[in-house]
């Protein structure tokens, strides 16, 4: 399985980095595994996540692994799947 860590999305405001996310891009599987998000201003991480979703949709990705089930991610459309279903995506 090939993958690479990427600083995929950065959110800038007034020439200052205010949010973003990075993760492991399993391009051959069309799966992105998020590792970390951060936000220094309100909604910056949401903007980064929404940008990620839009970008990956254009590339026909099948899954974004958020790793944790949180209300924040649910508000952005995330849903929990079983381990067995997850393994089907990455095998």
N, C-alpha and C. Protein backbone atom coordinates (compact mmCIF):
# COMPACT_ATOMS: atom_id res chain seq x y z
N UNK A 1 0.85 -1.17 0.00
CA UNK A 1 0.00 0.00 0.00
C UNK A 1 0.90 1.23 0.00
N UNK A 2 0.72 2.10 -0.97
CA UNK A 2 1.54 3.31 -1.01
C UNK A 2 0.75 4.48 -0.45
N UNK A 3 1.44 5.33 0.25
CA UNK A 3 0.82 6.52 0.82
C UNK A 3 1.89 7.53 1.14
N UNK A 4 1.47 8.74 1.40
CA UNK A 4 2.44 9.75 1.77
C UNK A 4 1.76 10.76 2.67
N UNK A 5 2.54 11.27 3.61
CA UNK A 5 2.02 12.31 4.49
C UNK A 5 2.04 13.62 3.72
N UNK A 6 0.99 14.38 3.85
CA UNK A 6 0.92 15.64 3.13
C UNK A 6 0.37 16.73 4.03
N UNK A 7 0.85 17.94 3.84
CA UNK A 7 0.21 19.10 4.44
C UNK A 7 -0.79 19.57 3.41
N UNK A 8 -1.95 18.98 3.44
CA UNK A 8 -2.86 19.09 2.32
C UNK A 8 -3.61 20.40 2.25
N UNK A 9 -4.12 20.86 3.36
CA UNK A 9 -4.97 22.05 3.33
C UNK A 9 -4.47 23.05 4.38
N UNK A 10 -4.26 24.28 3.95
CA UNK A 10 -3.90 25.37 4.85
C UNK A 10 -4.94 26.48 4.71
N UNK A 11 -5.28 27.11 5.82
CA UNK A 11 -6.22 28.23 5.82
C UNK A 11 -5.46 29.46 6.30
N UNK A 12 -5.46 30.50 5.47
CA UNK A 12 -4.73 31.73 5.75
C UNK A 12 -5.69 32.89 5.90
N UNK A 13 -5.37 33.80 6.82
CA UNK A 13 -6.15 35.02 7.01
C UNK A 13 -5.16 36.14 7.31
N UNK A 14 -5.21 37.19 6.52
CA UNK A 14 -4.29 38.33 6.71
C UNK A 14 -2.84 37.89 6.78
N UNK A 15 -2.44 37.03 5.86
CA UNK A 15 -1.07 36.51 5.77
C UNK A 15 -0.62 35.70 6.99
N UNK A 16 -1.57 35.17 7.75
CA UNK A 16 -1.26 34.33 8.91
C UNK A 16 -1.95 32.98 8.74
N UNK A 17 -1.21 31.91 9.03
CA UNK A 17 -1.77 30.57 9.00
C UNK A 17 -2.70 30.43 10.20
N UNK A 18 -3.99 30.21 9.95
CA UNK A 18 -4.97 30.17 11.04
C UNK A 18 -5.67 28.82 11.18
N UNK A 19 -5.39 27.90 10.28
CA UNK A 19 -6.01 26.59 10.38
C UNK A 19 -5.52 25.67 9.29
N UNK A 20 -5.85 24.40 9.45
CA UNK A 20 -5.47 23.45 8.42
C UNK A 20 -5.59 22.03 8.89
N UNK A 21 -5.18 21.14 8.00
CA UNK A 21 -5.19 19.72 8.32
C UNK A 21 -4.15 19.01 7.47
N UNK A 22 -3.74 17.83 7.94
CA UNK A 22 -2.85 16.99 7.15
C UNK A 22 -3.20 15.54 7.42
N UNK A 23 -2.68 14.68 6.56
CA UNK A 23 -2.95 13.26 6.74
C UNK A 23 -2.19 12.43 5.74
N UNK A 24 -2.58 11.17 5.64
CA UNK A 24 -1.95 10.21 4.74
C UNK A 24 -2.89 9.97 3.57
N UNK A 25 -2.38 10.19 2.39
CA UNK A 25 -3.16 10.06 1.17
C UNK A 25 -2.86 8.70 0.53
N UNK A 26 -3.82 7.80 0.61
CA UNK A 26 -3.69 6.48 -0.02
C UNK A 26 -4.30 6.58 -1.41
N UNK A 27 -3.56 7.20 -2.31
CA UNK A 27 -4.09 7.51 -3.64
C UNK A 27 -4.56 6.27 -4.38
N UNK A 28 -3.81 5.17 -4.26
CA UNK A 28 -4.18 3.97 -4.99
C UNK A 28 -5.49 3.37 -4.50
N UNK A 29 -5.89 3.68 -3.27
CA UNK A 29 -7.15 3.18 -2.70
C UNK A 29 -8.25 4.23 -2.72
N UNK A 30 -7.89 5.47 -3.10
CA UNK A 30 -8.84 6.59 -3.07
C UNK A 30 -9.37 6.81 -1.65
N UNK A 31 -8.43 6.77 -0.68
CA UNK A 31 -8.74 6.94 0.74
C UNK A 31 -7.78 7.98 1.31
N UNK A 32 -8.31 8.92 2.08
CA UNK A 32 -7.49 9.89 2.79
C UNK A 32 -7.68 9.66 4.28
N UNK A 33 -6.57 9.47 5.01
CA UNK A 33 -6.61 9.25 6.46
C UNK A 33 -6.13 10.52 7.15
N UNK A 34 -7.06 11.24 7.75
CA UNK A 34 -6.72 12.47 8.45
C UNK A 34 -5.92 12.18 9.70
N UNK A 35 -4.87 12.94 9.92
CA UNK A 35 -4.04 12.77 11.11
C UNK A 35 -4.27 13.88 12.13
N UNK A 36 -4.40 15.11 11.66
CA UNK A 36 -4.57 16.21 12.61
C UNK A 36 -5.18 17.42 11.91
N UNK A 37 -5.98 18.17 12.68
CA UNK A 37 -6.56 19.43 12.23
C UNK A 37 -6.25 20.46 13.32
N UNK A 38 -6.14 21.72 12.91
CA UNK A 38 -6.00 22.75 13.94
C UNK A 38 -6.69 24.02 13.48
N UNK A 39 -6.99 24.86 14.45
CA UNK A 39 -7.68 26.11 14.17
C UNK A 39 -7.26 27.15 15.19
N UNK A 40 -6.80 28.28 14.70
CA UNK A 40 -6.46 29.41 15.59
C UNK A 40 -7.57 30.44 15.62
N UNK A 41 -8.47 30.37 14.63
CA UNK A 41 -9.64 31.25 14.60
C UNK A 41 -10.88 30.39 14.36
N UNK A 42 -12.01 30.89 14.76
CA UNK A 42 -13.26 30.16 14.65
C UNK A 42 -13.51 29.70 13.21
N UNK A 43 -13.86 28.44 13.07
CA UNK A 43 -14.26 27.80 11.81
C UNK A 43 -13.13 27.57 10.80
N UNK A 44 -11.90 27.85 11.15
CA UNK A 44 -10.80 27.62 10.19
C UNK A 44 -10.63 26.13 9.88
N UNK A 45 -10.75 25.27 10.90
CA UNK A 45 -10.61 23.84 10.62
C UNK A 45 -11.79 23.33 9.80
N UNK A 46 -12.97 23.90 10.02
CA UNK A 46 -14.13 23.53 9.20
C UNK A 46 -13.89 23.91 7.75
N UNK A 47 -13.35 25.09 7.52
CA UNK A 47 -13.05 25.53 6.15
C UNK A 47 -12.04 24.58 5.50
N UNK A 48 -11.04 24.16 6.26
CA UNK A 48 -10.05 23.22 5.73
C UNK A 48 -10.69 21.89 5.38
N UNK A 49 -11.54 21.38 6.26
CA UNK A 49 -12.18 20.09 6.02
C UNK A 49 -13.11 20.16 4.81
N UNK A 50 -13.89 21.21 4.71
CA UNK A 50 -14.80 21.36 3.57
C UNK A 50 -14.00 21.45 2.26
N UNK A 51 -12.89 22.16 2.28
CA UNK A 51 -12.03 22.25 1.10
C UNK A 51 -11.48 20.88 0.74
N UNK A 52 -11.06 20.11 1.75
CA UNK A 52 -10.57 18.75 1.52
C UNK A 52 -11.65 17.90 0.86
N UNK A 53 -12.85 17.93 1.41
CA UNK A 53 -13.95 17.12 0.86
C UNK A 53 -14.19 17.48 -0.60
N UNK A 54 -14.25 18.74 -0.90
CA UNK A 54 -14.49 19.18 -2.30
C UNK A 54 -13.38 18.69 -3.22
N UNK A 55 -12.14 18.82 -2.77
CA UNK A 55 -11.00 18.39 -3.60
C UNK A 55 -11.03 16.88 -3.83
N UNK A 56 -11.29 16.11 -2.79
CA UNK A 56 -11.28 14.66 -2.92
C UNK A 56 -12.48 14.16 -3.73
N UNK A 57 -13.60 14.86 -3.67
CA UNK A 57 -14.76 14.49 -4.50
C UNK A 57 -14.42 14.58 -5.98
N UNK A 58 -13.69 15.62 -6.37
CA UNK A 58 -13.33 15.76 -7.78
C UNK A 58 -12.40 14.65 -8.24
N UNK A 59 -11.68 14.04 -7.30
CA UNK A 59 -10.77 12.94 -7.61
C UNK A 59 -11.42 11.57 -7.36
N UNK A 60 -12.72 11.59 -7.07
CA UNK A 60 -13.52 10.38 -6.86
C UNK A 60 -13.02 9.51 -5.70
N UNK A 61 -12.59 10.16 -4.63
CA UNK A 61 -12.19 9.40 -3.44
C UNK A 61 -13.42 8.75 -2.81
N UNK A 62 -13.19 7.61 -2.16
CA UNK A 62 -14.28 6.84 -1.59
C UNK A 62 -14.45 7.05 -0.09
N UNK A 63 -13.37 7.47 0.58
CA UNK A 63 -13.43 7.53 2.04
C UNK A 63 -12.44 8.56 2.58
N UNK A 64 -12.89 9.29 3.59
CA UNK A 64 -12.01 10.10 4.42
C UNK A 64 -12.09 9.50 5.82
N UNK A 65 -10.97 8.98 6.29
CA UNK A 65 -10.90 8.41 7.63
C UNK A 65 -10.58 9.54 8.61
N UNK A 66 -11.58 9.91 9.40
CA UNK A 66 -11.42 10.99 10.38
C UNK A 66 -10.85 10.49 11.70
N UNK A 67 -10.77 9.20 11.87
CA UNK A 67 -10.21 8.51 13.04
C UNK A 67 -11.06 8.61 14.30
N UNK A 68 -11.68 9.73 14.53
CA UNK A 68 -12.48 9.88 15.74
C UNK A 68 -13.88 10.34 15.37
N UNK A 69 -14.84 9.83 16.08
CA UNK A 69 -16.24 10.23 15.89
C UNK A 69 -16.53 11.37 16.85
N UNK A 70 -16.68 12.59 16.31
CA UNK A 70 -16.95 13.75 17.16
C UNK A 70 -18.17 14.50 16.62
N UNK A 71 -18.80 15.26 17.48
CA UNK A 71 -19.94 16.08 17.05
C UNK A 71 -19.51 17.09 15.99
N UNK A 72 -18.30 17.60 16.12
CA UNK A 72 -17.77 18.55 15.14
C UNK A 72 -17.75 17.93 13.75
N UNK A 73 -17.22 16.71 13.64
CA UNK A 73 -17.15 16.05 12.33
C UNK A 73 -18.52 15.60 11.84
N UNK A 74 -19.37 15.18 12.75
CA UNK A 74 -20.74 14.82 12.36
C UNK A 74 -21.46 16.04 11.77
N UNK A 75 -21.21 17.22 12.34
CA UNK A 75 -21.85 18.43 11.82
C UNK A 75 -21.40 18.74 10.39
N UNK A 76 -20.27 18.16 9.99
CA UNK A 76 -19.75 18.35 8.64
C UNK A 76 -20.11 17.19 7.71
N UNK A 77 -20.89 16.23 8.23
CA UNK A 77 -21.35 15.13 7.39
C UNK A 77 -20.68 13.79 7.62
N UNK A 78 -19.78 13.71 8.59
CA UNK A 78 -19.11 12.44 8.86
C UNK A 78 -20.08 11.44 9.48
N UNK A 79 -19.80 10.16 9.23
CA UNK A 79 -20.58 9.10 9.88
C UNK A 79 -19.63 7.96 10.22
N UNK A 80 -19.99 7.24 11.26
CA UNK A 80 -19.16 6.13 11.71
C UNK A 80 -19.46 4.88 10.89
N UNK A 81 -18.39 4.12 10.56
CA UNK A 81 -18.57 2.84 9.88
C UNK A 81 -17.89 1.75 10.70
N UNK A 82 -18.25 0.51 10.43
CA UNK A 82 -17.66 -0.60 11.18
C UNK A 82 -16.22 -0.84 10.75
N UNK A 83 -15.48 -1.53 11.60
CA UNK A 83 -14.09 -1.88 11.27
C UNK A 83 -14.05 -2.73 10.01
N UNK A 84 -14.97 -3.68 9.89
CA UNK A 84 -15.00 -4.54 8.71
C UNK A 84 -15.21 -3.72 7.43
N UNK A 85 -16.12 -2.75 7.48
CA UNK A 85 -16.33 -1.89 6.31
C UNK A 85 -15.08 -1.07 6.00
N UNK A 86 -14.43 -0.56 7.04
CA UNK A 86 -13.20 0.22 6.85
C UNK A 86 -12.13 -0.62 6.15
N UNK A 87 -11.97 -1.86 6.61
CA UNK A 87 -10.95 -2.72 6.02
C UNK A 87 -11.22 -3.01 4.55
N UNK A 88 -12.48 -3.05 4.17
CA UNK A 88 -12.82 -3.25 2.75
C UNK A 88 -12.27 -2.11 1.89
N UNK A 89 -12.27 -0.91 2.43
CA UNK A 89 -11.77 0.25 1.68
C UNK A 89 -10.26 0.23 1.50
N UNK A 90 -9.54 -0.29 2.49
CA UNK A 90 -8.08 -0.18 2.43
C UNK A 90 -7.37 -1.44 1.95
N UNK A 91 -8.10 -2.52 1.77
CA UNK A 91 -7.46 -3.76 1.29
C UNK A 91 -7.31 -3.76 -0.20
